[in-house]
Amino acid sequence: MSRLLEAVRDGDFADSPVDNEMLAAALKLPLVAVANCLQEAKARSFIWGIRSGRQPAPWYTDLEMTVQGKRFLANRQE
């Protein structure tokens, strides 16, 4: 989960919006694994994004980390 959130956070500084495909490339994971991780992160209110109809679902575009996600990462780094 930490690696995923770090990739979303680091993507905030990129020129393109963060989506499943970008995360899969950054984390070197299959799209299905990224979708599963994003589903958990969304359920825990760690991320926010626009839901898209692409597969594998859930597919998000314009992903951002929420305050809860930032707190989770901060606590993991202490």
N, C-alpha and C. Protein backbone atom coordinates (compact mmCIF):
# COMPACT_ATOMS: atom_id res chain seq x y z
N MET A 1 0.83 -1.19 0.00
CA MET A 1 0.00 0.00 0.00
C MET A 1 0.88 1.26 0.00
N SER A 2 1.94 1.23 0.77
CA SER A 2 2.83 2.40 0.85
C SER A 2 3.42 2.74 -0.51
N ARG A 3 3.87 1.71 -1.24
CA ARG A 3 4.46 1.97 -2.56
C ARG A 3 3.44 2.60 -3.50
N LEU A 4 2.21 2.12 -3.45
CA LEU A 4 1.15 2.66 -4.29
C LEU A 4 0.91 4.13 -3.95
N LEU A 5 0.76 4.42 -2.67
CA LEU A 5 0.50 5.81 -2.26
C LEU A 5 1.67 6.73 -2.60
N GLU A 6 2.88 6.23 -2.44
CA GLU A 6 4.05 7.04 -2.81
C GLU A 6 4.04 7.34 -4.31
N ALA A 7 3.66 6.36 -5.12
CA ALA A 7 3.59 6.58 -6.57
C ALA A 7 2.51 7.59 -6.93
N VAL A 8 1.36 7.53 -6.24
CA VAL A 8 0.30 8.52 -6.48
C VAL A 8 0.80 9.90 -6.07
N ARG A 9 1.43 9.98 -4.91
CA ARG A 9 1.96 11.26 -4.42
C ARG A 9 3.00 11.81 -5.38
N ASP A 10 3.94 10.99 -5.81
CA ASP A 10 4.99 11.44 -6.73
C ASP A 10 4.42 11.81 -8.09
N GLY A 11 3.33 11.16 -8.48
CA GLY A 11 2.69 11.49 -9.75
C GLY A 11 2.04 12.85 -9.76
N ASP A 12 1.77 13.40 -8.56
CA ASP A 12 1.19 14.74 -8.48
C ASP A 12 2.10 15.78 -9.11
N PHE A 13 3.39 15.46 -9.22
CA PHE A 13 4.35 16.41 -9.78
C PHE A 13 4.63 16.15 -11.25
N ALA A 14 4.01 15.11 -11.81
CA ALA A 14 4.23 14.75 -13.21
C ALA A 14 3.38 15.65 -14.12
N ASP A 15 3.72 15.60 -15.39
CA ASP A 15 2.99 16.41 -16.38
C ASP A 15 1.68 15.78 -16.81
N SER A 16 1.50 14.49 -16.53
CA SER A 16 0.27 13.82 -16.94
C SER A 16 -0.50 13.34 -15.72
N PRO A 17 -1.82 13.19 -15.84
CA PRO A 17 -2.62 12.73 -14.71
C PRO A 17 -2.27 11.29 -14.32
N VAL A 18 -2.34 11.01 -13.03
CA VAL A 18 -2.03 9.67 -12.54
C VAL A 18 -3.24 8.78 -12.78
N ASP A 19 -2.99 7.63 -13.41
CA ASP A 19 -4.05 6.65 -13.61
C ASP A 19 -3.47 5.25 -13.40
N ASN A 20 -4.30 4.24 -13.57
CA ASN A 20 -3.88 2.86 -13.35
C ASN A 20 -2.67 2.48 -14.20
N GLU A 21 -2.69 2.89 -15.45
CA GLU A 21 -1.61 2.52 -16.37
C GLU A 21 -0.28 3.11 -15.93
N MET A 22 -0.28 4.38 -15.50
CA MET A 22 0.94 5.01 -15.03
C MET A 22 1.46 4.32 -13.78
N LEU A 23 0.54 3.97 -12.87
CA LEU A 23 0.93 3.29 -11.64
C LEU A 23 1.51 1.91 -11.94
N ALA A 24 0.90 1.18 -12.85
CA ALA A 24 1.39 -0.15 -13.22
C ALA A 24 2.82 -0.06 -13.74
N ALA A 25 3.10 0.94 -14.57
CA ALA A 25 4.45 1.11 -15.11
C ALA A 25 5.43 1.51 -14.00
N ALA A 26 5.03 2.43 -13.14
CA ALA A 26 5.92 2.91 -12.08
C ALA A 26 6.22 1.81 -11.06
N LEU A 27 5.23 0.99 -10.75
CA LEU A 27 5.40 -0.05 -9.74
C LEU A 27 5.81 -1.40 -10.31
N LYS A 28 5.84 -1.49 -11.64
CA LYS A 28 6.15 -2.75 -12.33
C LYS A 28 5.23 -3.88 -11.87
N LEU A 29 3.93 -3.57 -11.88
CA LEU A 29 2.90 -4.52 -11.49
C LEU A 29 1.89 -4.68 -12.62
N PRO A 30 1.21 -5.83 -12.69
CA PRO A 30 0.15 -5.98 -13.69
C PRO A 30 -1.03 -5.06 -13.37
N LEU A 31 -1.78 -4.70 -14.39
CA LEU A 31 -2.93 -3.81 -14.21
C LEU A 31 -3.95 -4.37 -13.23
N VAL A 32 -4.12 -5.68 -13.20
CA VAL A 32 -5.08 -6.30 -12.27
C VAL A 32 -4.64 -6.05 -10.83
N ALA A 33 -3.35 -6.18 -10.55
CA ALA A 33 -2.84 -5.95 -9.19
C ALA A 33 -3.02 -4.50 -8.78
N VAL A 34 -2.78 -3.59 -9.71
CA VAL A 34 -2.96 -2.16 -9.43
C VAL A 34 -4.43 -1.88 -9.14
N ALA A 35 -5.33 -2.43 -9.92
CA ALA A 35 -6.77 -2.23 -9.70
C ALA A 35 -7.18 -2.73 -8.32
N ASN A 36 -6.66 -3.88 -7.92
CA ASN A 36 -6.99 -4.41 -6.60
C ASN A 36 -6.47 -3.51 -5.49
N CYS A 37 -5.24 -3.02 -5.63
CA CYS A 37 -4.67 -2.11 -4.63
C CYS A 37 -5.45 -0.81 -4.57
N LEU A 38 -5.84 -0.30 -5.72
CA LEU A 38 -6.61 0.95 -5.74
C LEU A 38 -7.98 0.76 -5.10
N GLN A 39 -8.57 -0.40 -5.29
CA GLN A 39 -9.87 -0.68 -4.68
C GLN A 39 -9.74 -0.63 -3.15
N GLU A 40 -8.69 -1.22 -2.62
CA GLU A 40 -8.46 -1.18 -1.17
C GLU A 40 -8.16 0.24 -0.70
N ALA A 41 -7.30 0.95 -1.43
CA ALA A 41 -6.95 2.31 -1.05
C ALA A 41 -8.18 3.22 -1.07
N LYS A 42 -9.05 3.04 -2.04
CA LYS A 42 -10.28 3.83 -2.11
C LYS A 42 -11.20 3.49 -0.95
N ALA A 43 -11.31 2.20 -0.61
CA ALA A 43 -12.16 1.78 0.51
C ALA A 43 -11.66 2.36 1.83
N ARG A 44 -10.36 2.54 1.94
CA ARG A 44 -9.77 3.10 3.16
C ARG A 44 -9.66 4.62 3.10
N SER A 45 -10.22 5.22 2.05
CA SER A 45 -10.22 6.69 1.84
C SER A 45 -8.82 7.27 1.75
N PHE A 46 -7.88 6.52 1.16
CA PHE A 46 -6.51 6.99 0.98
C PHE A 46 -6.33 7.74 -0.33
N ILE A 47 -7.22 7.49 -1.30
CA ILE A 47 -7.10 8.13 -2.61
C ILE A 47 -8.45 8.69 -3.03
N TRP A 48 -8.37 9.60 -4.01
CA TRP A 48 -9.55 10.14 -4.67
C TRP A 48 -9.22 10.16 -6.15
N GLY A 49 -10.21 9.86 -6.97
CA GLY A 49 -9.99 9.91 -8.40
C GLY A 49 -11.30 9.81 -9.15
N ILE A 50 -11.22 10.05 -10.43
CA ILE A 50 -12.39 9.96 -11.30
C ILE A 50 -12.46 8.54 -11.84
N ARG A 51 -13.58 7.89 -11.64
CA ARG A 51 -13.78 6.50 -12.07
C ARG A 51 -14.02 6.48 -13.57
N SER A 52 -13.35 5.54 -14.23
CA SER A 52 -13.45 5.39 -15.67
C SER A 52 -13.98 3.99 -15.98
N GLY A 53 -14.44 3.79 -17.18
CA GLY A 53 -14.99 2.51 -17.58
C GLY A 53 -13.95 1.53 -18.11
N ARG A 54 -12.68 1.94 -18.13
CA ARG A 54 -11.65 1.04 -18.65
C ARG A 54 -11.49 -0.18 -17.76
N GLN A 55 -10.91 -1.21 -18.31
CA GLN A 55 -10.69 -2.47 -17.60
C GLN A 55 -9.21 -2.70 -17.41
N PRO A 56 -8.76 -3.39 -16.40
CA PRO A 56 -9.53 -4.01 -15.34
C PRO A 56 -10.04 -2.97 -14.34
N ALA A 57 -11.24 -3.19 -13.88
CA ALA A 57 -11.89 -2.25 -12.96
C ALA A 57 -11.45 -2.55 -11.53
N PRO A 58 -11.45 -1.57 -10.69
CA PRO A 58 -11.78 -0.17 -10.96
C PRO A 58 -10.60 0.55 -11.61
N TRP A 59 -10.91 1.41 -12.56
CA TRP A 59 -9.91 2.20 -13.26
C TRP A 59 -10.16 3.66 -12.89
N TYR A 60 -9.12 4.32 -12.41
CA TYR A 60 -9.23 5.71 -12.00
C TYR A 60 -8.31 6.59 -12.82
N THR A 61 -8.75 7.81 -13.05
CA THR A 61 -7.91 8.83 -13.68
C THR A 61 -7.82 10.00 -12.71
N ASP A 62 -6.86 10.84 -12.90
CA ASP A 62 -6.64 12.02 -12.06
C ASP A 62 -6.58 11.66 -10.58
N LEU A 63 -5.83 10.61 -10.27
CA LEU A 63 -5.73 10.16 -8.89
C LEU A 63 -4.97 11.16 -8.02
N GLU A 64 -5.45 11.33 -6.81
CA GLU A 64 -4.81 12.17 -5.82
C GLU A 64 -4.86 11.46 -4.47
N MET A 65 -3.90 11.76 -3.63
CA MET A 65 -3.92 11.21 -2.28
C MET A 65 -4.75 12.11 -1.39
N THR A 66 -5.54 11.51 -0.51
CA THR A 66 -6.35 12.26 0.43
C THR A 66 -5.53 12.57 1.69
N VAL A 67 -6.12 13.33 2.59
CA VAL A 67 -5.47 13.62 3.86
C VAL A 67 -5.19 12.32 4.61
N GLN A 68 -6.15 11.39 4.58
CA GLN A 68 -5.95 10.10 5.25
C GLN A 68 -4.77 9.34 4.65
N GLY A 69 -4.62 9.40 3.34
CA GLY A 69 -3.50 8.75 2.68
C GLY A 69 -2.18 9.37 3.09
N LYS A 70 -2.15 10.70 3.17
CA LYS A 70 -0.92 11.39 3.60
C LYS A 70 -0.57 11.05 5.04
N ARG A 71 -1.57 10.95 5.90
CA ARG A 71 -1.33 10.56 7.30
C ARG A 71 -0.80 9.14 7.38
N PHE A 72 -1.39 8.24 6.59
CA PHE A 72 -0.93 6.86 6.57
C PHE A 72 0.55 6.79 6.21
N LEU A 73 0.96 7.50 5.16
CA LEU A 73 2.36 7.50 4.75
C LEU A 73 3.25 8.13 5.81
N ALA A 74 2.81 9.22 6.40
CA ALA A 74 3.60 9.89 7.43
C ALA A 74 3.83 8.95 8.62
N ASN A 75 2.82 8.22 9.02
CA ASN A 75 2.96 7.29 10.14
C ASN A 75 3.88 6.12 9.80
N ARG A 76 3.90 5.70 8.55
CA ARG A 76 4.75 4.59 8.13
C ARG A 76 6.23 5.01 8.10
N GLN A 77 6.48 6.31 7.87
CA GLN A 77 7.85 6.79 7.75
C GLN A 77 8.47 7.16 9.10
N GLU A 78 7.65 7.22 10.14
CA GLU A 78 8.17 7.58 11.47
C GLU A 78 8.86 6.43 12.12
